[in-house]
C-alpha atoms as a PDB file:
ATOM      1  CA  UNK A   1       0.000   0.000   0.000  1.00  0.00           C
ATOM      2  CA  UNK A   2       1.003   3.635  -0.275  1.00  0.00           C
ATOM      3  CA  UNK A   3       1.737   3.965   3.455  1.00  0.00           C
ATOM      4  CA  UNK A   4       3.596   0.690   3.914  1.00  0.00           C
ATOM      5  CA  UNK A   5       7.121   0.635   5.217  1.00  0.00           C
ATOM      6  CA  UNK A   6       9.224  -2.319   4.068  1.00  0.00           C
ATOM      7  CA  UNK A   7      12.406  -3.266   5.929  1.00  0.00           C
ATOM      8  CA  UNK A   8      14.645  -5.526   3.870  1.00  0.00           C
ATOM      9  CA  UNK A   9      17.973  -7.056   4.815  1.00  0.00           C
ATOM     10  CA  UNK A  10      20.631  -9.361   3.436  1.00  0.00           C
ATOM     11  CA  UNK A  11      23.470 -11.259   5.030  1.00  0.00           C
ATOM     12  CA  UNK A  12      26.602 -10.141   3.197  1.00  0.00           C
ATOM     13  CA  UNK A  13      29.064 -12.269   5.141  1.00  0.00           C
ATOM     14  CA  UNK A  14      28.757 -14.886   7.880  1.00  0.00           C
ATOM     15  CA  UNK A  15      31.989 -16.396   9.204  1.00  0.00           C
ATOM     16  CA  UNK A  16      31.871 -18.799  12.138  1.00  0.00           C
ATOM     17  CA  UNK A  17      35.590 -18.390  12.763  1.00  0.00           C
ATOM     18  CA  UNK A  18      37.372 -20.957  14.918  1.00  0.00           C
ATOM     19  CA  UNK A  19      35.809 -21.660  18.321  1.00  0.00           C
ATOM     20  CA  UNK A  20      38.966 -23.416  19.504  1.00  0.00           C
ATOM     21  CA  UNK A  21      41.287 -20.531  18.503  1.00  0.00           C
ATOM     22  CA  UNK A  22      38.834 -18.049  20.015  1.00  0.00           C
ATOM     23  CA  UNK A  23      38.766 -19.961  23.286  1.00  0.00           C
ATOM     24  CA  UNK A  24      42.468 -20.771  23.568  1.00  0.00           C
ATOM     25  CA  UNK A  25      44.056 -17.571  22.278  1.00  0.00           C
ATOM     26  CA  UNK A  26      41.294 -14.952  22.281  1.00  0.00           C
ATOM     27  CA  UNK A  27      42.083 -11.294  21.528  1.00  0.00           C
ATOM     28  CA  UNK A  28      40.242 -11.523  18.176  1.00  0.00           C
ATOM     29  CA  UNK A  29      41.896 -14.760  17.057  1.00  0.00           C
ATOM     30  CA  UNK A  30      39.333 -17.057  15.435  1.00  0.00           C
ATOM     31  CA  UNK A  31      36.574 -14.484  15.831  1.00  0.00           C
ATOM     32  CA  UNK A  32      33.115 -14.917  14.325  1.00  0.00           C
ATOM     33  CA  UNK A  33      31.751 -12.163  12.101  1.00  0.00           C
ATOM     34  CA  UNK A  34      28.354 -11.251  10.674  1.00  0.00           C
ATOM     35  CA  UNK A  35      27.852  -8.440   8.149  1.00  0.00           C
ATOM     36  CA  UNK A  36      24.387  -7.380   6.985  1.00  0.00           C
ATOM     37  CA  UNK A  37      22.906  -4.652   4.800  1.00  0.00           C
ATOM     38  CA  UNK A  38      19.527  -3.171   5.718  1.00  0.00           C
ATOM     39  CA  UNK A  39      17.251  -0.999   3.587  1.00  0.00           C
ATOM     40  CA  UNK A  40      13.967   0.744   4.452  1.00  0.00           C
ATOM     41  CA  UNK A  41      11.513   1.453   1.625  1.00  0.00           C
ATOM     42  CA  UNK A  42       8.293   3.457   1.669  1.00  0.00           C
ATOM     43  CA  UNK A  43       5.091   2.987  -0.328  1.00  0.00           C
ATOM     44  CA  UNK A  44       4.198   1.099  -3.478  1.00  0.00           C
ATOM     45  CA  UNK A  45       6.990   2.854  -5.393  1.00  0.00           C
ATOM     46  CA  UNK A  46       9.499   1.458  -2.877  1.00  0.00           C
ATOM     47  CA  UNK A  47      11.166   4.831  -2.331  1.00  0.00           C
ATOM     48  CA  UNK A  48      14.384   4.119  -0.421  1.00  0.00           C
ATOM     49  CA  UNK A  49      14.439   6.000   2.862  1.00  0.00           C
ATOM     50  CA  UNK A  50      17.462   4.476   4.503  1.00  0.00           C
ATOM     51  CA  UNK A  51      20.294   2.040   3.854  1.00  0.00           C
ATOM     52  CA  UNK A  52      23.051   0.963   6.219  1.00  0.00           C
ATOM     53  CA  UNK A  53      25.451  -1.888   6.866  1.00  0.00           C
ATOM     54  CA  UNK A  54      25.874  -3.626  10.223  1.00  0.00           C
ATOM     55  CA  UNK A  55      29.110  -5.406  11.144  1.00  0.00           C
ATOM     56  CA  UNK A  56      29.402  -7.464  14.303  1.00  0.00           C
ATOM     57  CA  UNK A  57      32.134  -9.735  15.600  1.00  0.00           C
ATOM     58  CA  UNK A  58      32.806 -11.840  18.664  1.00  0.00           C
ATOM     59  CA  UNK A  59      35.259  -9.310  20.070  1.00  0.00           C
ATOM     60  CA  UNK A  60      38.714  -9.475  21.533  1.00  0.00           C
ATOM     61  CA  UNK A  61      38.255 -11.244  24.846  1.00  0.00           C
ATOM     62  CA  UNK A  62      41.290 -13.124  26.181  1.00  0.00           C
ATOM     63  CA  UNK A  63      41.350 -16.865  25.609  1.00  0.00           C
ATOM     64  CA  UNK A  64      41.920 -19.665  28.109  1.00  0.00           C
ATOM     65  CA  UNK A  65      45.673 -19.758  27.438  1.00  0.00           C
ATOM     66  CA  UNK A  66      45.928 -16.088  28.416  1.00  0.00           C
ATOM     67  CA  UNK A  67      44.006 -16.640  31.643  1.00  0.00           C
ATOM     68  CA  UNK A  68      45.828 -19.751  32.922  1.00  0.00           C
ATOM     69  CA  UNK A  69      47.453 -18.977  36.307  1.00  0.00           C
ATOM     70  CA  UNK A  70      51.219 -18.341  36.167  1.00  0.00           C
ATOM     71  CA  UNK A  71      51.967 -21.272  38.479  1.00  0.00           C
ATOM     72  CA  UNK A  72      50.329 -23.681  36.051  1.00  0.00           C
ATOM     73  CA  UNK A  73      53.131 -23.098  33.537  1.00  0.00           C
ATOM     74  CA  UNK A  74      55.474 -25.101  35.791  1.00  0.00           C
ATOM     75  CA  UNK A  75      53.638 -28.302  34.877  1.00  0.00           C
ATOM     76  CA  UNK A  76      54.646 -28.039  31.207  1.00  0.00           C
ATOM     77  CA  UNK A  77      52.704 -30.493  29.035  1.00  0.00           C
ATOM     78  CA  UNK A  78      50.030 -30.882  31.676  1.00  0.00           C
ATOM     79  CA  UNK A  79      49.124 -27.223  31.205  1.00  0.00           C
ATOM     80  CA  UNK A  80      48.595 -27.659  27.458  1.00  0.00           C
ATOM     81  CA  UNK A  81      46.458 -30.712  28.122  1.00  0.00           C
ATOM     82  CA  UNK A  82      44.534 -28.885  30.817  1.00  0.00           C
ATOM     83  CA  UNK A  83      43.845 -25.922  28.525  1.00  0.00           C
ATOM     84  CA  UNK A  84      42.866 -28.142  25.588  1.00  0.00           C
ATOM     85  CA  UNK A  85      40.708 -30.335  27.808  1.00  0.00           C
ATOM     86  CA  UNK A  86      38.989 -27.327  29.302  1.00  0.00           C
ATOM     87  CA  UNK A  87      38.420 -25.932  25.820  1.00  0.00           C
ATOM     88  CA  UNK A  88      36.832 -29.130  24.599  1.00  0.00           C
ATOM     89  CA  UNK A  89      34.610 -29.748  27.603  1.00  0.00           C
ATOM     90  CA  UNK A  90      33.412 -26.248  28.490  1.00  0.00           C
ATOM     91  CA  UNK A  91      34.384 -23.686  25.884  1.00  0.00           C
ATOM     92  CA  UNK A  92      33.163 -25.303  22.708  1.00  0.00           C
ATOM     93  CA  UNK A  93      29.620 -25.403  24.085  1.00  0.00           C
ATOM     94  CA  UNK A  94      29.842 -21.740  25.069  1.00  0.00           C
ATOM     95  CA  UNK A  95      31.084 -20.680  21.633  1.00  0.00           C
ATOM     96  CA  UNK A  96      29.087 -23.106  19.475  1.00  0.00           C
ATOM     97  CA  UNK A  97      26.366 -20.505  18.948  1.00  0.00           C
ATOM     98  CA  UNK A  98      28.686 -17.487  18.632  1.00  0.00           C
ATOM     99  CA  UNK A  99      27.365 -16.580  15.164  1.00  0.00           C
ATOM    100  CA  UNK A 100      23.796 -16.796  16.458  1.00  0.00           C
ATOM    101  CA  UNK A 101      24.688 -14.564  19.409  1.00  0.00           C
ATOM    102  CA  UNK A 102      26.333 -11.847  17.310  1.00  0.00           C
ATOM    103  CA  UNK A 103      23.574 -12.058  14.674  1.00  0.00           C
ATOM    104  CA  UNK A 104      21.045 -11.502  17.467  1.00  0.00           C
ATOM    105  CA  UNK A 105      23.071  -8.557  18.780  1.00  0.00           C
ATOM    106  CA  UNK A 106      23.313  -7.123  15.262  1.00  0.00           C
ATOM    107  CA  UNK A 107      19.534  -7.452  14.807  1.00  0.00           C
ATOM    108  CA  UNK A 108      18.970  -5.698  18.127  1.00  0.00           C
ATOM    109  CA  UNK A 109      21.250  -2.809  17.112  1.00  0.00           C
ATOM    110  CA  UNK A 110      19.419  -2.611  13.760  1.00  0.00           C
ATOM    111  CA  UNK A 111      16.105  -2.190  15.592  1.00  0.00           C
ATOM    112  CA  UNK A 112      17.650   0.496  17.803  1.00  0.00           C
ATOM    113  CA  UNK A 113      19.045   2.346  14.790  1.00  0.00           C
ATOM    114  CA  UNK A 114      15.677   2.152  13.017  1.00  0.00           C
ATOM    115  CA  UNK A 115      13.910   3.416  16.147  1.00  0.00           C
ATOM    116  CA  UNK A 116      16.178   6.485  16.152  1.00  0.00           C
ATOM    117  CA  UNK A 117      15.311   7.081  12.492  1.00  0.00           C
ATOM    118  CA  UNK A 118      11.579   6.625  13.197  1.00  0.00           C
ATOM    119  CA  UNK A 119      11.768   9.154  16.061  1.00  0.00           C
ATOM    120  CA  UNK A 120      13.486  11.707  13.793  1.00  0.00           C
ATOM    121  CA  UNK A 121      10.670  11.225  11.263  1.00  0.00           C
ATOM    122  CA  UNK A 122       8.073  11.771  14.004  1.00  0.00           C
ATOM    123  CA  UNK A 123       6.645   8.254  13.574  1.00  0.00           C
ATOM    124  CA  UNK A 124       7.316   7.371  17.217  1.00  0.00           C
ATOM    125  CA  UNK A 125       7.885   9.476  20.327  1.00  0.00           C
ATOM    126  CA  UNK A 126      11.561  10.298  21.045  1.00  0.00           C
ATOM    127  CA  UNK A 127      11.365   8.475  24.394  1.00  0.00           C
ATOM    128  CA  UNK A 128      10.461   5.275  22.504  1.00  0.00           C
ATOM    129  CA  UNK A 129      13.718   5.323  20.535  1.00  0.00           C
ATOM    130  CA  UNK A 130      16.678   3.293  21.748  1.00  0.00           C
ATOM    131  CA  UNK A 131      20.251   4.454  21.258  1.00  0.00           C
ATOM    132  CA  UNK A 132      22.238   2.278  18.850  1.00  0.00           C
ATOM    133  CA  UNK A 133      25.967   1.610  19.380  1.00  0.00           C
ATOM    134  CA  UNK A 134      27.566   3.080  16.287  1.00  0.00           C
ATOM    135  CA  UNK A 135      31.253   3.016  15.360  1.00  0.00           C
ATOM    136  CA  UNK A 136      32.979   4.227  12.232  1.00  0.00           C
END
């Protein structure tokens, strides 16, 4: 219809990264990434009102190897086994849905960004808008 607003989006890039590298080394190693493009169109003529790209990644948290206590290094090979064993039993489960988590976060930020746009257009009250985290 003439007053319809259509929000369209595409996944440009989805990279699961390496859960094991992410867990063991951290600091961005093996990170997951999701990149999407979002467009907002108005009316039957599909007049483009807005277009933006969202990029999200799993961050630069330290991995298990970086957080092993200093005294554990004395045990040599046991430490490597301990870190690898910990990664396999606890970390893989935590990171198995990393792409889903960052995609969800990206979708949430998209909604926030759109709400700011809607408030500027006067379509919603300013107090209904949520502030998006934007970086350049």
